[in-house]
Each structure stands twice: as structure tokens, then as C-alpha cells.
Amino acid sequence: MSLLRVLLAIIFPPLSVLGKGCGSFVIVLLLTFCGWIPGVIGALVILNNTNN
């Protein structure tokens, strides 16, 4: 997880997970529509996942 991706996750969460796949992007986008904080948390969790 790079510093640029973390900063991008804080500023605009869906854009930071764009490289992780369409499903991740849609999930983070929906979470961001529900509120900025859930979107940031979702993006950071997806970026911190070491399986992908």
C-alpha cells in the first residue's frame, strides 16, 4: 500500500481502488455515497488486503 494510494483513499476513495477490480470500485463507490467515512474505511481495507 503506497502513500499515494492512501492519500487518494482519503481524498476520493473509489479512485484509489480502481486498479483492484470493478467489484471493489462499485463497493467503495456505494459506501462513499452512504458517507465519506465508510468509503474511506472500505478503501483502506481493500488496499490493505494482501490476497490480491
PDB file of N, CA and C in Angstrom:
ATOM      1  N   MET A   1       0.865  -1.164   0.000  1.00  0.00           N
ATOM      2  CA  MET A   1       0.000   0.000   0.000  1.00  0.00           C
ATOM      3  C   MET A   1       0.910   1.225   0.000  1.00  0.00           C
ATOM      4  N   SER A   2       0.852   1.986  -1.070  1.00  0.00           N
ATOM      5  CA  SER A   2       1.725   3.145  -1.195  1.00  0.00           C
ATOM      6  C   SER A   2       1.092   4.382  -0.563  1.00  0.00           C
ATOM      7  N   LEU A   3       1.914   5.350  -0.300  1.00  0.00           N
ATOM      8  CA  LEU A   3       1.454   6.600   0.303  1.00  0.00           C
ATOM      9  C   LEU A   3       0.481   7.323  -0.622  1.00  0.00           C
ATOM     10  N   LEU A   4       0.734   7.266  -1.918  1.00  0.00           N
ATOM     11  CA  LEU A   4      -0.163   7.910  -2.876  1.00  0.00           C
ATOM     12  C   LEU A   4      -1.558   7.296  -2.829  1.00  0.00           C
ATOM     13  N   ARG A   5      -1.632   5.984  -2.742  1.00  0.00           N
ATOM     14  CA  ARG A   5      -2.942   5.310  -2.675  1.00  0.00           C
ATOM     15  C   ARG A   5      -3.671   5.651  -1.376  1.00  0.00           C
ATOM     16  N   VAL A   6      -2.940   5.768  -0.281  1.00  0.00           N
ATOM     17  CA  VAL A   6      -3.564   6.124   0.997  1.00  0.00           C
ATOM     18  C   VAL A   6      -4.121   7.539   0.928  1.00  0.00           C
ATOM     19  N   LEU A   7      -3.354   8.463   0.387  1.00  0.00           N
ATOM     20  CA  LEU A   7      -3.838   9.837   0.253  1.00  0.00           C
ATOM     21  C   LEU A   7      -5.037   9.903  -0.687  1.00  0.00           C
ATOM     22  N   LEU A   8      -4.995   9.132  -1.747  1.00  0.00           N
ATOM     23  CA  LEU A   8      -6.109   9.080  -2.685  1.00  0.00           C
ATOM     24  C   LEU A   8      -7.340   8.465  -2.028  1.00  0.00           C
ATOM     25  N   ALA A   9      -7.138   7.472  -1.148  1.00  0.00           N
ATOM     26  CA  ALA A   9      -8.252   6.859  -0.431  1.00  0.00           C
ATOM     27  C   ALA A   9      -8.915   7.857   0.506  1.00  0.00           C
ATOM     28  N   ILE A  10      -8.146   8.780   1.038  1.00  0.00           N
ATOM     29  CA  ILE A  10      -8.710   9.786   1.936  1.00  0.00           C
ATOM     30  C   ILE A  10      -9.426  10.874   1.147  1.00  0.00           C
ATOM     31  N   ILE A  11      -8.876  11.259   0.014  1.00  0.00           N
ATOM     32  CA  ILE A  11      -9.470  12.340  -0.781  1.00  0.00           C
ATOM     33  C   ILE A  11     -10.666  11.854  -1.589  1.00  0.00           C
ATOM     34  N   PHE A  12     -10.490  10.788  -2.368  1.00  0.00           N
ATOM     35  CA  PHE A  12     -11.563  10.237  -3.196  1.00  0.00           C
ATOM     36  C   PHE A  12     -11.447   8.718  -3.210  1.00  0.00           C
ATOM     37  N   PRO A  13     -12.115   8.048  -2.266  1.00  0.00           N
ATOM     38  CA  PRO A  13     -11.934   6.611  -2.061  1.00  0.00           C
ATOM     39  C   PRO A  13     -12.130   5.725  -3.298  1.00  0.00           C
ATOM     40  N   PRO A  14     -13.160   5.916  -4.135  1.00  0.00           N
ATOM     41  CA  PRO A  14     -13.334   4.987  -5.265  1.00  0.00           C
ATOM     42  C   PRO A  14     -12.168   5.002  -6.255  1.00  0.00           C
ATOM     43  N   LEU A  15     -11.546   6.132  -6.424  1.00  0.00           N
ATOM     44  CA  LEU A  15     -10.443   6.231  -7.376  1.00  0.00           C
ATOM     45  C   LEU A  15      -9.217   5.454  -6.899  1.00  0.00           C
ATOM     46  N   SER A  16      -9.049   5.319  -5.597  1.00  0.00           N
ATOM     47  CA  SER A  16      -7.878   4.626  -5.079  1.00  0.00           C
ATOM     48  C   SER A  16      -7.942   3.118  -5.293  1.00  0.00           C
ATOM     49  N   VAL A  17      -9.139   2.544  -5.415  1.00  0.00           N
ATOM     50  CA  VAL A  17      -9.268   1.092  -5.593  1.00  0.00           C
ATOM     51  C   VAL A  17      -9.598   0.717  -7.033  1.00  0.00           C
ATOM     52  N   LEU A  18      -9.450   1.630  -7.946  1.00  0.00           N
ATOM     53  CA  LEU A  18      -9.795   1.384  -9.343  1.00  0.00           C
ATOM     54  C   LEU A  18      -8.972   0.241  -9.932  1.00  0.00           C
ATOM     55  N   GLY A  19      -7.741   0.091  -9.533  1.00  0.00           N
ATOM     56  CA  GLY A  19      -6.889  -0.973 -10.040  1.00  0.00           C
ATOM     57  C   GLY A  19      -7.169  -2.333  -9.429  1.00  0.00           C
ATOM     58  N   LYS A  20      -7.995  -2.409  -8.400  1.00  0.00           N
ATOM     59  CA  LYS A  20      -8.296  -3.671  -7.721  1.00  0.00           C
ATOM     60  C   LYS A  20      -9.454  -4.434  -8.355  1.00  0.00           C
ATOM     61  N   GLY A  21     -10.137  -3.831  -9.309  1.00  0.00           N
ATOM     62  CA  GLY A  21     -11.237  -4.518  -9.976  1.00  0.00           C
ATOM     63  C   GLY A  21     -12.525  -3.733  -9.905  1.00  0.00           C
ATOM     64  N   CYS A  22     -13.454  -4.116 -10.766  1.00  0.00           N
ATOM     65  CA  CYS A  22     -14.725  -3.396 -10.869  1.00  0.00           C
ATOM     66  C   CYS A  22     -15.581  -3.572  -9.615  1.00  0.00           C
ATOM     67  N   GLY A  23     -15.556  -4.772  -9.034  1.00  0.00           N
ATOM     68  CA  GLY A  23     -16.357  -5.024  -7.837  1.00  0.00           C
ATOM     69  C   GLY A  23     -15.930  -4.164  -6.666  1.00  0.00           C
ATOM     70  N   SER A  24     -14.640  -4.027  -6.473  1.00  0.00           N
ATOM     71  CA  SER A  24     -14.126  -3.189  -5.388  1.00  0.00           C
ATOM     72  C   SER A  24     -14.501  -1.731  -5.608  1.00  0.00           C
ATOM     73  N   PHE A  25     -14.413  -1.302  -6.856  1.00  0.00           N
ATOM     74  CA  PHE A  25     -14.763   0.080  -7.177  1.00  0.00           C
ATOM     75  C   PHE A  25     -16.225   0.356  -6.852  1.00  0.00           C
ATOM     76  N   VAL A  26     -17.115  -0.558  -7.237  1.00  0.00           N
ATOM     77  CA  VAL A  26     -18.554  -0.363  -7.006  1.00  0.00           C
ATOM     78  C   VAL A  26     -18.866  -0.379  -5.519  1.00  0.00           C
ATOM     79  N   ILE A  27     -18.245  -1.292  -4.770  1.00  0.00           N
ATOM     80  CA  ILE A  27     -18.487  -1.369  -3.329  1.00  0.00           C
ATOM     81  C   ILE A  27     -18.059  -0.080  -2.643  1.00  0.00           C
ATOM     82  N   VAL A  28     -16.875   0.400  -2.973  1.00  0.00           N
ATOM     83  CA  VAL A  28     -16.376   1.632  -2.342  1.00  0.00           C
ATOM     84  C   VAL A  28     -17.197   2.837  -2.799  1.00  0.00           C
ATOM     85  N   LEU A  29     -17.655   2.832  -4.035  1.00  0.00           N
ATOM     86  CA  LEU A  29     -18.495   3.922  -4.521  1.00  0.00           C
ATOM     87  C   LEU A  29     -19.816   3.974  -3.753  1.00  0.00           C
ATOM     88  N   LEU A  30     -20.436   2.826  -3.539  1.00  0.00           N
ATOM     89  CA  LEU A  30     -21.679   2.778  -2.771  1.00  0.00           C
ATOM     90  C   LEU A  30     -21.452   3.199  -1.320  1.00  0.00           C
ATOM     91  N   LEU A  31     -20.345   2.752  -0.731  1.00  0.00           N
ATOM     92  CA  LEU A  31     -20.030   3.171   0.633  1.00  0.00           C
ATOM     93  C   LEU A  31     -19.787   4.671   0.716  1.00  0.00           C
ATOM     94  N   THR A  32     -19.165   5.237  -0.305  1.00  0.00           N
ATOM     95  CA  THR A  32     -18.916   6.674  -0.321  1.00  0.00           C
ATOM     96  C   THR A  32     -20.215   7.452  -0.461  1.00  0.00           C
ATOM     97  N   PHE A  33     -21.158   6.916  -1.227  1.00  0.00           N
ATOM     98  CA  PHE A  33     -22.466   7.571  -1.326  1.00  0.00           C
ATOM     99  C   PHE A  33     -23.197   7.547   0.008  1.00  0.00           C
ATOM    100  N   CYS A  34     -22.983   6.497   0.800  1.00  0.00           N
ATOM    101  CA  CYS A  34     -23.595   6.423   2.134  1.00  0.00           C
ATOM    102  C   CYS A  34     -22.947   7.407   3.103  1.00  0.00           C
ATOM    103  N   GLY A  35     -21.718   7.718   2.853  1.00  0.00           N
ATOM    104  CA  GLY A  35     -20.982   8.655   3.705  1.00  0.00           C
ATOM    105  C   GLY A  35     -19.512   8.582   3.385  1.00  0.00           C
ATOM    106  N   TRP A  36     -18.824   9.676   3.602  1.00  0.00           N
ATOM    107  CA  TRP A  36     -17.417   9.731   3.243  1.00  0.00           C
ATOM    108  C   TRP A  36     -16.577   8.785   4.099  1.00  0.00           C
ATOM    109  N   ILE A  37     -16.840   8.725   5.390  1.00  0.00           N
ATOM    110  CA  ILE A  37     -16.065   7.890   6.309  1.00  0.00           C
ATOM    111  C   ILE A  37     -16.174   6.402   5.955  1.00  0.00           C
ATOM    112  N   PRO A  38     -17.385   5.859   5.710  1.00  0.00           N
ATOM    113  CA  PRO A  38     -17.439   4.446   5.302  1.00  0.00           C
ATOM    114  C   PRO A  38     -16.680   4.170   4.002  1.00  0.00           C
ATOM    115  N   GLY A  39     -16.693   5.107   3.083  1.00  0.00           N
ATOM    116  CA  GLY A  39     -15.949   4.945   1.844  1.00  0.00           C
ATOM    117  C   GLY A  39     -14.455   4.893   2.077  1.00  0.00           C
ATOM    118  N   VAL A  40     -13.953   5.755   2.950  1.00  0.00           N
ATOM    119  CA  VAL A  40     -12.519   5.768   3.267  1.00  0.00           C
ATOM    120  C   VAL A  40     -12.129   4.469   3.962  1.00  0.00           C
ATOM    121  N   ILE A  41     -12.933   4.032   4.910  1.00  0.00           N
ATOM    122  CA  ILE A  41     -12.623   2.790   5.622  1.00  0.00           C
ATOM    123  C   ILE A  41     -12.644   1.605   4.664  1.00  0.00           C
ATOM    124  N   GLY A  42     -13.649   1.541   3.805  1.00  0.00           N
ATOM    125  CA  GLY A  42     -13.715   0.454   2.829  1.00  0.00           C
ATOM    126  C   GLY A  42     -12.537   0.453   1.884  1.00  0.00           C
ATOM    127  N   ALA A  43     -12.140   1.618   1.420  1.00  0.00           N
ATOM    128  CA  ALA A  43     -10.996   1.707   0.518  1.00  0.00           C
ATOM    129  C   ALA A  43      -9.713   1.277   1.208  1.00  0.00           C
ATOM    130  N   LEU A  44      -9.514   1.689   2.438  1.00  0.00           N
ATOM    131  CA  LEU A  44      -8.302   1.310   3.160  1.00  0.00           C
ATOM    132  C   LEU A  44      -8.268  -0.186   3.452  1.00  0.00           C
ATOM    133  N   VAL A  45      -9.424  -0.772   3.739  1.00  0.00           N
ATOM    134  CA  VAL A  45      -9.477  -2.219   3.968  1.00  0.00           C
ATOM    135  C   VAL A  45      -9.133  -2.972   2.693  1.00  0.00           C
ATOM    136  N   ILE A  46      -9.686  -2.550   1.570  1.00  0.00           N
ATOM    137  CA  ILE A  46      -9.405  -3.204   0.290  1.00  0.00           C
ATOM    138  C   ILE A  46      -7.938  -3.025  -0.097  1.00  0.00           C
ATOM    139  N   LEU A  47      -7.397  -1.846   0.122  1.00  0.00           N
ATOM    140  CA  LEU A  47      -5.987  -1.613  -0.214  1.00  0.00           C
ATOM    141  C   LEU A  47      -5.047  -2.394   0.712  1.00  0.00           C
ATOM    142  N   ASN A  48      -5.458  -2.627   1.930  1.00  0.00           N
ATOM    143  CA  ASN A  48      -4.615  -3.340   2.893  1.00  0.00           C
ATOM    144  C   ASN A  48      -4.701  -4.858   2.722  1.00  0.00           C
ATOM    145  N   ASN A  49      -5.652  -5.343   1.939  1.00  0.00           N
ATOM    146  CA  ASN A  49      -5.812  -6.775   1.711  1.00  0.00           C
ATOM    147  C   ASN A  49      -4.612  -7.301   0.923  1.00  0.00           C
ATOM    148  N   THR A  50      -3.916  -8.273   1.505  1.00  0.00           N
ATOM    149  CA  THR A  50      -2.698  -8.787   0.874  1.00  0.00           C
ATOM    150  C   THR A  50      -2.979  -9.960  -0.067  1.00  0.00           C
ATOM    151  N   ASN A  51      -4.205 -10.437  -0.148  1.00  0.00           N
ATOM    152  CA  ASN A  51      -4.527 -11.570  -1.015  1.00  0.00           C
ATOM    153  C   ASN A  51      -4.477 -11.191  -2.484  1.00  0.00           C
ATOM    154  N   ASN A  52      -4.791  -9.956  -2.813  1.00  0.00           N
ATOM    155  CA  ASN A  52      -4.821  -9.539  -4.224  1.00  0.00           C
ATOM    156  C   ASN A  52      -3.586  -8.783  -4.568  1.00  0.00           C
TER     157      ASN A  52
END
